[in-house]
Amino acid sequence: MAWNKLIRKGIPLAFVLLTLLSCTISYRFNGASINYDKVKTITLNNFENRALYQYGPLAPLFNNKLQDAYAQQTKLQFVKRGGDLELSGEITGYDVYNKAVAADGYSAQVELRLTVNVRFVNNTNHSEDFEQRFTASQTYDSTLQLTAVQDGLIEEMTKEIVDQIFNATVANW
């Protein structure tokens, strides 16, 4: 009788243990879902600033942030040409718009908008290739000069666009 109880409890317990031991769960905290057996290299071409309104530090800041994202969040090796993944494009928009009007008829808020055109080529799977525009914007009070808030707003917008590009290219979001 004791053996009977042991068998009734032991078999389901053994089944549960075997099931748990046979399953593996993989977490990637960087968000990248890259098959490193196929994809080992990346080519990041410099994104030139072709926006009508020019701000000198914008292109170098954007290019550095983009490169840092792939360097810190993936194991891909950077190559000058012919990478398994290739990113190119240009900054096409850097614009200021009046966003809200106050009761006195003057602008109350201003929106700064950054647009980047991206061409992505996956040389291991061309069905993932795309050309797409990514946009980010930040709003600031119209009583402030753009030059006073520009650096902080650009920092936030470039981070947002780099995250969008990273997610679209290697995170499969």
N, C-alpha and C. Protein backbone atom coordinates (compact mmCIF):
# COMPACT_ATOMS: atom_id res chain seq x y z
N MET A 1 0.81 -1.18 0.00
CA MET A 1 0.00 0.00 0.00
C MET A 1 0.86 1.26 0.00
N ALA A 2 1.93 1.26 0.75
CA ALA A 2 2.83 2.41 0.79
C ALA A 2 3.50 2.58 -0.57
N TRP A 3 3.83 1.45 -1.22
CA TRP A 3 4.45 1.53 -2.54
C TRP A 3 3.47 2.11 -3.55
N ASN A 4 2.23 1.76 -3.40
CA ASN A 4 1.20 2.24 -4.30
C ASN A 4 1.08 3.77 -4.23
N LYS A 5 1.08 4.34 -3.01
CA LYS A 5 1.02 5.79 -2.83
C LYS A 5 2.28 6.45 -3.39
N LEU A 6 3.42 5.84 -3.15
CA LEU A 6 4.69 6.38 -3.63
C LEU A 6 4.71 6.43 -5.16
N ILE A 7 4.20 5.39 -5.79
CA ILE A 7 4.18 5.33 -7.25
C ILE A 7 3.21 6.38 -7.80
N ARG A 8 2.05 6.52 -7.17
CA ARG A 8 1.05 7.50 -7.63
C ARG A 8 1.58 8.93 -7.53
N LYS A 9 2.33 9.23 -6.50
CA LYS A 9 2.88 10.58 -6.32
C LYS A 9 4.19 10.74 -7.09
N GLY A 10 4.96 9.67 -7.18
CA GLY A 10 6.29 9.75 -7.79
C GLY A 10 6.27 9.88 -9.30
N ILE A 11 5.35 9.21 -9.96
CA ILE A 11 5.31 9.27 -11.42
C ILE A 11 4.95 10.68 -11.91
N PRO A 12 3.91 11.31 -11.39
CA PRO A 12 3.63 12.69 -11.85
C PRO A 12 4.76 13.66 -11.49
N LEU A 13 5.36 13.48 -10.33
CA LEU A 13 6.47 14.34 -9.92
C LEU A 13 7.66 14.15 -10.86
N ALA A 14 7.97 12.92 -11.22
CA ALA A 14 9.07 12.65 -12.15
C ALA A 14 8.75 13.24 -13.52
N PHE A 15 7.51 13.14 -13.95
CA PHE A 15 7.11 13.71 -15.25
C PHE A 15 7.30 15.22 -15.26
N VAL A 16 6.87 15.88 -14.18
CA VAL A 16 7.01 17.34 -14.08
C VAL A 16 8.48 17.73 -14.09
N LEU A 17 9.30 17.02 -13.32
CA LEU A 17 10.74 17.32 -13.28
C LEU A 17 11.40 17.12 -14.64
N LEU A 18 11.08 16.03 -15.32
CA LEU A 18 11.65 15.80 -16.65
C LEU A 18 11.20 16.87 -17.64
N THR A 19 9.96 17.28 -17.54
CA THR A 19 9.46 18.33 -18.43
C THR A 19 10.19 19.64 -18.19
N LEU A 20 10.35 20.01 -16.93
CA LEU A 20 11.05 21.26 -16.61
C LEU A 20 12.52 21.21 -17.02
N LEU A 21 13.16 20.08 -16.85
CA LEU A 21 14.56 19.96 -17.20
C LEU A 21 14.78 19.95 -18.71
N SER A 22 13.79 19.49 -19.47
CA SER A 22 13.96 19.43 -20.92
C SER A 22 13.68 20.77 -21.59
N CYS A 23 13.02 21.68 -20.91
CA CYS A 23 12.72 22.99 -21.48
C CYS A 23 13.84 23.97 -21.17
N THR A 24 14.14 24.80 -22.13
CA THR A 24 15.10 25.87 -21.87
C THR A 24 14.44 27.19 -22.22
N ILE A 25 14.72 28.16 -21.44
CA ILE A 25 14.20 29.50 -21.67
C ILE A 25 15.38 30.41 -21.86
N SER A 26 15.33 31.19 -22.92
CA SER A 26 16.42 32.10 -23.24
C SER A 26 15.93 33.54 -23.17
N TYR A 27 16.60 34.35 -22.38
CA TYR A 27 16.26 35.76 -22.28
C TYR A 27 17.40 36.57 -22.85
N ARG A 28 17.04 37.58 -23.63
CA ARG A 28 18.02 38.53 -24.14
C ARG A 28 17.58 39.90 -23.66
N PHE A 29 18.37 40.49 -22.80
CA PHE A 29 17.97 41.76 -22.22
C PHE A 29 18.29 42.95 -23.12
N ASN A 30 19.05 42.72 -24.19
CA ASN A 30 19.37 43.82 -25.08
C ASN A 30 18.33 44.00 -26.17
N GLY A 31 17.41 43.10 -26.31
CA GLY A 31 16.35 43.22 -27.29
C GLY A 31 16.72 42.70 -28.67
N ALA A 32 17.97 42.35 -28.89
CA ALA A 32 18.38 41.88 -30.21
C ALA A 32 18.02 40.41 -30.38
N SER A 33 17.53 40.08 -31.55
CA SER A 33 17.23 38.68 -31.86
C SER A 33 17.98 38.32 -33.14
N ILE A 34 19.26 38.20 -33.01
CA ILE A 34 20.15 37.95 -34.15
C ILE A 34 20.61 36.50 -34.11
N ASN A 35 20.59 35.85 -35.26
CA ASN A 35 21.16 34.51 -35.37
C ASN A 35 22.65 34.69 -35.69
N TYR A 36 23.48 34.60 -34.66
CA TYR A 36 24.91 34.86 -34.82
C TYR A 36 25.62 33.75 -35.61
N ASP A 37 24.94 32.65 -35.90
CA ASP A 37 25.53 31.64 -36.78
C ASP A 37 25.54 32.14 -38.23
N LYS A 38 24.56 32.98 -38.59
CA LYS A 38 24.45 33.51 -39.95
C LYS A 38 24.96 34.94 -40.06
N VAL A 39 24.65 35.76 -39.07
CA VAL A 39 24.96 37.20 -39.12
C VAL A 39 26.09 37.49 -38.16
N LYS A 40 27.22 37.92 -38.71
CA LYS A 40 28.40 38.17 -37.88
C LYS A 40 28.92 39.60 -38.00
N THR A 41 28.61 40.29 -39.12
CA THR A 41 29.19 41.60 -39.36
C THR A 41 28.12 42.62 -39.72
N ILE A 42 28.47 43.89 -39.53
CA ILE A 42 27.57 44.98 -39.88
C ILE A 42 28.39 46.12 -40.48
N THR A 43 27.82 46.75 -41.49
CA THR A 43 28.40 47.93 -42.10
C THR A 43 27.47 49.10 -41.80
N LEU A 44 27.99 50.12 -41.12
CA LEU A 44 27.22 51.34 -40.83
C LEU A 44 27.84 52.48 -41.61
N ASN A 45 27.16 52.92 -42.65
CA ASN A 45 27.63 54.07 -43.41
C ASN A 45 27.22 55.34 -42.69
N ASN A 46 28.03 56.39 -42.82
CA ASN A 46 27.70 57.66 -42.18
C ASN A 46 26.44 58.25 -42.78
N PHE A 47 25.57 58.72 -41.90
CA PHE A 47 24.35 59.39 -42.31
C PHE A 47 24.66 60.87 -42.44
N GLU A 48 24.55 61.40 -43.64
CA GLU A 48 24.81 62.81 -43.87
C GLU A 48 23.57 63.63 -43.54
N ASN A 49 23.79 64.88 -43.14
CA ASN A 49 22.68 65.78 -42.84
C ASN A 49 22.29 66.49 -44.13
N ARG A 50 21.16 66.08 -44.70
CA ARG A 50 20.65 66.70 -45.92
C ARG A 50 19.37 67.48 -45.66
N ALA A 51 19.15 67.80 -44.40
CA ALA A 51 17.97 68.59 -44.03
C ALA A 51 18.15 70.02 -44.51
N LEU A 52 17.05 70.69 -44.77
CA LEU A 52 17.09 72.08 -45.22
C LEU A 52 17.73 72.97 -44.16
N TYR A 53 17.30 72.78 -42.90
CA TYR A 53 17.88 73.52 -41.79
C TYR A 53 19.05 72.70 -41.26
N GLN A 54 20.21 73.31 -41.16
CA GLN A 54 21.42 72.59 -40.75
C GLN A 54 21.82 72.94 -39.32
N TYR A 55 22.22 71.91 -38.59
CA TYR A 55 22.81 72.09 -37.27
C TYR A 55 24.06 71.21 -37.25
N GLY A 56 25.22 71.82 -37.20
CA GLY A 56 26.51 71.16 -37.38
C GLY A 56 26.72 69.86 -36.61
N PRO A 57 26.50 69.86 -35.31
CA PRO A 57 26.79 68.64 -34.53
C PRO A 57 25.80 67.49 -34.72
N LEU A 58 24.71 67.71 -35.45
CA LEU A 58 23.66 66.71 -35.54
C LEU A 58 24.12 65.40 -36.18
N ALA A 59 24.73 65.46 -37.35
CA ALA A 59 25.13 64.23 -38.05
C ALA A 59 26.17 63.43 -37.26
N PRO A 60 27.25 64.06 -36.76
CA PRO A 60 28.22 63.27 -35.97
C PRO A 60 27.60 62.66 -34.71
N LEU A 61 26.73 63.41 -34.03
CA LEU A 61 26.08 62.88 -32.83
C LEU A 61 25.21 61.69 -33.17
N PHE A 62 24.42 61.80 -34.25
CA PHE A 62 23.55 60.71 -34.66
C PHE A 62 24.37 59.47 -35.04
N ASN A 63 25.41 59.66 -35.84
CA ASN A 63 26.24 58.53 -36.28
C ASN A 63 26.90 57.83 -35.09
N ASN A 64 27.39 58.60 -34.12
CA ASN A 64 28.02 58.00 -32.93
C ASN A 64 27.01 57.21 -32.10
N LYS A 65 25.81 57.76 -31.92
CA LYS A 65 24.79 57.05 -31.14
C LYS A 65 24.35 55.76 -31.83
N LEU A 66 24.24 55.81 -33.15
CA LEU A 66 23.84 54.62 -33.90
C LEU A 66 24.90 53.53 -33.78
N GLN A 67 26.16 53.92 -33.93
CA GLN A 67 27.24 52.95 -33.82
C GLN A 67 27.32 52.39 -32.39
N ASP A 68 27.17 53.24 -31.40
CA ASP A 68 27.21 52.80 -30.01
C ASP A 68 26.10 51.78 -29.71
N ALA A 69 24.91 51.99 -30.26
CA ALA A 69 23.79 51.08 -30.00
C ALA A 69 24.13 49.67 -30.48
N TYR A 70 24.68 49.54 -31.68
CA TYR A 70 25.01 48.22 -32.21
C TYR A 70 26.24 47.63 -31.51
N ALA A 71 27.18 48.47 -31.12
CA ALA A 71 28.37 47.98 -30.43
C ALA A 71 28.03 47.47 -29.02
N GLN A 72 27.14 48.17 -28.33
CA GLN A 72 26.83 47.82 -26.94
C GLN A 72 25.77 46.73 -26.82
N GLN A 73 24.89 46.61 -27.81
CA GLN A 73 23.76 45.70 -27.66
C GLN A 73 23.83 44.46 -28.55
N THR A 74 24.89 44.34 -29.36
CA THR A 74 25.06 43.16 -30.19
C THR A 74 26.50 42.69 -30.13
N LYS A 75 26.74 41.52 -30.71
CA LYS A 75 28.10 40.99 -30.82
C LYS A 75 28.61 41.12 -32.26
N LEU A 76 27.96 41.95 -33.06
CA LEU A 76 28.35 42.09 -34.46
C LEU A 76 29.68 42.83 -34.58
N GLN A 77 30.47 42.40 -35.55
CA GLN A 77 31.75 43.05 -35.84
C GLN A 77 31.50 44.12 -36.91
N PHE A 78 32.10 45.29 -36.75
CA PHE A 78 31.96 46.37 -37.72
C PHE A 78 32.96 46.17 -38.85
N VAL A 79 32.47 46.27 -40.08
CA VAL A 79 33.32 46.22 -41.26
C VAL A 79 32.98 47.41 -42.15
N LYS A 80 33.96 47.87 -42.92
CA LYS A 80 33.74 49.06 -43.75
C LYS A 80 32.81 48.81 -44.92
N ARG A 81 32.86 47.59 -45.51
CA ARG A 81 32.04 47.25 -46.67
C ARG A 81 31.61 45.81 -46.59
N GLY A 82 30.45 45.54 -47.20
CA GLY A 82 30.01 44.16 -47.39
C GLY A 82 29.65 43.41 -46.13
N GLY A 83 29.12 44.09 -45.12
CA GLY A 83 28.69 43.40 -43.91
C GLY A 83 27.46 42.54 -44.16
N ASP A 84 27.24 41.60 -43.27
CA ASP A 84 26.03 40.79 -43.36
C ASP A 84 24.78 41.68 -43.26
N LEU A 85 24.87 42.71 -42.43
CA LEU A 85 23.84 43.73 -42.33
C LEU A 85 24.46 45.05 -42.78
N GLU A 86 23.70 45.83 -43.56
CA GLU A 86 24.20 47.12 -44.03
C GLU A 86 23.15 48.19 -43.74
N LEU A 87 23.59 49.28 -43.12
CA LEU A 87 22.72 50.41 -42.82
C LEU A 87 23.28 51.65 -43.49
N SER A 88 22.44 52.35 -44.21
CA SER A 88 22.83 53.63 -44.81
C SER A 88 21.61 54.53 -44.80
N GLY A 89 21.84 55.80 -45.07
CA GLY A 89 20.73 56.74 -45.11
C GLY A 89 21.20 58.15 -44.93
N GLU A 90 20.24 59.02 -44.63
CA GLU A 90 20.55 60.42 -44.45
C GLU A 90 19.52 61.07 -43.53
N ILE A 91 19.93 62.15 -42.91
CA ILE A 91 19.03 62.97 -42.11
C ILE A 91 18.32 63.87 -43.10
N THR A 92 17.01 63.71 -43.22
CA THR A 92 16.27 64.44 -44.25
C THR A 92 15.45 65.60 -43.70
N GLY A 93 15.23 65.62 -42.41
CA GLY A 93 14.43 66.69 -41.85
C GLY A 93 14.89 67.11 -40.47
N TYR A 94 14.99 68.41 -40.29
CA TYR A 94 15.28 69.01 -38.99
C TYR A 94 14.48 70.31 -39.00
N ASP A 95 13.25 70.23 -38.49
CA ASP A 95 12.30 71.31 -38.69
C ASP A 95 11.68 71.78 -37.38
N VAL A 96 11.27 73.05 -37.38
CA VAL A 96 10.62 73.66 -36.23
C VAL A 96 9.20 74.07 -36.65
N TYR A 97 8.22 73.68 -35.82
CA TYR A 97 6.82 73.98 -36.11
C TYR A 97 6.16 74.60 -34.87
N ASN A 98 5.23 75.52 -35.10
CA ASN A 98 4.41 76.01 -34.00
C ASN A 98 3.40 74.93 -33.68
N LYS A 99 3.35 74.56 -32.41
CA LYS A 99 2.49 73.44 -32.02
C LYS A 99 1.21 73.92 -31.34
N ALA A 100 1.29 74.93 -30.53
CA ALA A 100 0.10 75.41 -29.81
C ALA A 100 0.09 76.93 -29.81
N VAL A 101 -1.10 77.48 -29.86
CA VAL A 101 -1.27 78.93 -29.86
C VAL A 101 -1.93 79.33 -28.55
N ALA A 102 -1.39 80.37 -27.92
CA ALA A 102 -1.94 80.87 -26.67
C ALA A 102 -3.16 81.75 -26.95
N ALA A 103 -3.86 82.17 -25.91
CA ALA A 103 -5.06 82.99 -26.04
C ALA A 103 -4.76 84.33 -26.70
N ASP A 104 -3.53 84.82 -26.56
CA ASP A 104 -3.18 86.11 -27.16
C ASP A 104 -2.83 85.99 -28.65
N GLY A 105 -2.90 84.78 -29.20
CA GLY A 105 -2.65 84.59 -30.62
C GLY A 105 -1.21 84.26 -30.98
N TYR A 106 -0.33 84.27 -30.00
CA TYR A 106 1.06 83.94 -30.26
C TYR A 106 1.33 82.47 -29.95
N SER A 107 2.40 81.98 -30.48
CA SER A 107 2.77 80.59 -30.26
C SER A 107 3.09 80.34 -28.79
N ALA A 108 2.55 79.26 -28.25
CA ALA A 108 2.81 78.89 -26.86
C ALA A 108 3.82 77.75 -26.76
N GLN A 109 3.78 76.85 -27.75
CA GLN A 109 4.70 75.72 -27.77
C GLN A 109 5.24 75.54 -29.17
N VAL A 110 6.46 75.08 -29.23
CA VAL A 110 7.13 74.84 -30.50
C VAL A 110 7.57 73.38 -30.52
N GLU A 111 7.46 72.75 -31.69
CA GLU A 111 7.88 71.37 -31.85
C GLU A 111 9.11 71.31 -32.75
N LEU A 112 10.12 70.62 -32.30
CA LEU A 112 11.32 70.36 -33.09
C LEU A 112 11.22 68.91 -33.55
N ARG A 113 11.31 68.71 -34.86
CA ARG A 113 11.12 67.37 -35.43
C ARG A 113 12.36 66.95 -36.22
N LEU A 114 12.80 65.71 -36.00
CA LEU A 114 13.95 65.14 -36.68
C LEU A 114 13.49 63.93 -37.48
N THR A 115 13.87 63.88 -38.77
CA THR A 115 13.49 62.76 -39.63
C THR A 115 14.74 62.17 -40.27
N VAL A 116 14.83 60.85 -40.23
CA VAL A 116 15.98 60.13 -40.80
C VAL A 116 15.46 59.07 -41.75
N ASN A 117 16.01 59.05 -42.96
CA ASN A 117 15.68 58.02 -43.94
C ASN A 117 16.73 56.91 -43.83
N VAL A 118 16.28 55.67 -43.71
CA VAL A 118 17.19 54.53 -43.48
C VAL A 118 16.98 53.48 -44.57
N ARG A 119 18.09 53.00 -45.11
CA ARG A 119 18.09 51.86 -46.02
C ARG A 119 18.80 50.72 -45.30
N PHE A 120 18.09 49.61 -45.15
CA PHE A 120 18.62 48.44 -44.44
C PHE A 120 18.68 47.27 -45.40
N VAL A 121 19.85 46.63 -45.46
CA VAL A 121 20.03 45.45 -46.30
C VAL A 121 20.54 44.32 -45.41
N ASN A 122 19.83 43.20 -45.43
CA ASN A 122 20.26 42.00 -44.71
C ASN A 122 20.75 41.03 -45.78
N ASN A 123 22.06 40.92 -45.94
CA ASN A 123 22.64 40.09 -47.00
C ASN A 123 22.48 38.60 -46.75
N THR A 124 21.99 38.21 -45.58
CA THR A 124 21.72 36.80 -45.31
C THR A 124 20.26 36.45 -45.52
N ASN A 125 19.39 37.49 -45.59
CA ASN A 125 17.96 37.27 -45.79
C ASN A 125 17.36 38.54 -46.39
N HIS A 126 17.36 38.65 -47.71
CA HIS A 126 16.93 39.88 -48.37
C HIS A 126 15.44 40.17 -48.20
N SER A 127 14.67 39.24 -47.69
CA SER A 127 13.26 39.52 -47.45
C SER A 127 13.08 40.53 -46.31
N GLU A 128 14.12 40.77 -45.52
CA GLU A 128 14.07 41.73 -44.42
C GLU A 128 14.56 43.11 -44.82
N ASP A 129 15.00 43.29 -46.06
CA ASP A 129 15.48 44.60 -46.53
C ASP A 129 14.34 45.61 -46.50
N PHE A 130 14.67 46.88 -46.21
CA PHE A 130 13.66 47.93 -46.27
C PHE A 130 14.31 49.30 -46.43
N GLU A 131 13.50 50.25 -46.83
CA GLU A 131 13.84 51.67 -46.78
C GLU A 131 12.68 52.34 -46.07
N GLN A 132 12.99 53.08 -45.02
CA GLN A 132 11.93 53.63 -44.17
C GLN A 132 12.39 54.94 -43.54
N ARG A 133 11.43 55.80 -43.26
CA ARG A 133 11.71 57.06 -42.55
C ARG A 133 11.34 56.88 -41.08
N PHE A 134 12.22 57.38 -40.23
CA PHE A 134 11.99 57.37 -38.79
C PHE A 134 11.96 58.81 -38.30
N THR A 135 10.99 59.11 -37.45
CA THR A 135 10.81 60.49 -36.99
C THR A 135 10.66 60.52 -35.48
N ALA A 136 11.21 61.57 -34.90
CA ALA A 136 11.03 61.84 -33.48
C ALA A 136 10.84 63.35 -33.33
N SER A 137 10.10 63.74 -32.30
CA SER A 137 9.90 65.17 -32.07
C SER A 137 9.88 65.45 -30.58
N GLN A 138 10.21 66.70 -30.27
CA GLN A 138 10.20 67.18 -28.90
C GLN A 138 9.56 68.56 -28.90
N THR A 139 8.82 68.85 -27.85
CA THR A 139 8.15 70.14 -27.72
C THR A 139 8.83 70.97 -26.65
N TYR A 140 8.92 72.28 -26.91
CA TYR A 140 9.49 73.18 -25.91
C TYR A 140 8.68 74.47 -25.88
N ASP A 141 8.82 75.20 -24.81
CA ASP A 141 8.09 76.45 -24.60
C ASP A 141 8.60 77.51 -25.56
N SER A 142 7.69 78.24 -26.17
CA SER A 142 8.08 79.23 -27.17
C SER A 142 8.79 80.44 -26.58
N THR A 143 8.76 80.58 -25.26
CA THR A 143 9.49 81.69 -24.66
C THR A 143 10.99 81.42 -24.63
N LEU A 144 11.37 80.17 -24.90
CA LEU A 144 12.79 79.80 -24.93
C LEU A 144 13.33 79.87 -26.35
N GLN A 145 14.57 80.23 -26.48
CA GLN A 145 15.24 80.22 -27.78
C GLN A 145 15.62 78.78 -28.12
N LEU A 146 15.54 78.43 -29.40
CA LEU A 146 15.92 77.10 -29.84
C LEU A 146 17.36 76.79 -29.45
N THR A 147 18.23 77.75 -29.57
CA THR A 147 19.64 77.53 -29.25
C THR A 147 19.84 77.16 -27.78
N ALA A 148 18.92 77.56 -26.91
CA ALA A 148 19.04 77.27 -25.49
C ALA A 148 18.64 75.83 -25.16
N VAL A 149 17.76 75.25 -25.96
CA VAL A 149 17.24 73.91 -25.65
C VAL A 149 17.63 72.86 -26.69
N GLN A 150 18.24 73.31 -27.77
CA GLN A 150 18.52 72.45 -28.91
C GLN A 150 19.33 71.21 -28.58
N ASP A 151 20.42 71.35 -27.85
CA ASP A 151 21.28 70.20 -27.56
C ASP A 151 20.55 69.11 -26.79
N GLY A 152 19.79 69.49 -25.78
CA GLY A 152 19.04 68.50 -25.00
C GLY A 152 17.96 67.82 -25.81
N LEU A 153 17.27 68.59 -26.65
CA LEU A 153 16.22 68.01 -27.49
C LEU A 153 16.80 67.06 -28.53
N ILE A 154 17.92 67.44 -29.11
CA ILE A 154 18.57 66.57 -30.11
C ILE A 154 19.03 65.28 -29.45
N GLU A 155 19.56 65.38 -28.26
CA GLU A 155 19.99 64.18 -27.52
C GLU A 155 18.83 63.19 -27.37
N GLU A 156 17.67 63.69 -26.97
CA GLU A 156 16.50 62.84 -26.77
C GLU A 156 15.97 62.28 -28.09
N MET A 157 15.92 63.13 -29.12
CA MET A 157 15.37 62.68 -30.41
C MET A 157 16.29 61.66 -31.09
N THR A 158 17.60 61.88 -31.03
CA THR A 158 18.50 60.91 -31.65
C THR A 158 18.43 59.57 -30.93
N LYS A 159 18.32 59.59 -29.61
CA LYS A 159 18.19 58.34 -28.87
C LYS A 159 16.91 57.60 -29.29
N GLU A 160 15.82 58.34 -29.43
CA GLU A 160 14.55 57.72 -29.82
C GLU A 160 14.63 57.12 -31.23
N ILE A 161 15.22 57.85 -32.17
CA ILE A 161 15.31 57.34 -33.54
C ILE A 161 16.27 56.16 -33.62
N VAL A 162 17.39 56.22 -32.90
CA VAL A 162 18.32 55.10 -32.89
C VAL A 162 17.63 53.85 -32.34
N ASP A 163 16.83 54.01 -31.30
CA ASP A 163 16.08 52.87 -30.75
C ASP A 163 15.09 52.32 -31.78
N GLN A 164 14.42 53.20 -32.51
CA GLN A 164 13.49 52.76 -33.55
C GLN A 164 14.22 51.97 -34.64
N ILE A 165 15.37 52.48 -35.06
CA ILE A 165 16.14 51.81 -36.11
C ILE A 165 16.65 50.47 -35.61
N PHE A 166 17.18 50.43 -34.40
CA PHE A 166 17.68 49.19 -33.83
C PHE A 166 16.56 48.14 -33.76
N ASN A 167 15.41 48.55 -33.27
CA ASN A 167 14.28 47.61 -33.17
C ASN A 167 13.83 47.13 -34.53
N ALA A 168 13.83 47.99 -35.53
CA ALA A 168 13.38 47.60 -36.86
C ALA A 168 14.37 46.69 -37.57
N THR A 169 15.64 46.80 -37.23
CA THR A 169 16.66 46.04 -37.96
C THR A 169 17.05 44.73 -37.28
N VAL A 170 17.26 44.72 -35.99
CA VAL A 170 17.76 43.50 -35.35
C VAL A 170 16.92 43.00 -34.19
N ALA A 171 15.93 43.76 -33.75
CA ALA A 171 15.12 43.29 -32.63
C ALA A 171 13.82 42.65 -33.09
N ASN A 172 13.49 42.78 -34.36
CA ASN A 172 12.26 42.20 -34.92
C ASN A 172 11.02 42.57 -34.12
N TRP A 173 10.90 43.84 -33.78
CA TRP A 173 9.71 44.32 -33.04
C TRP A 173 8.71 44.82 -34.03
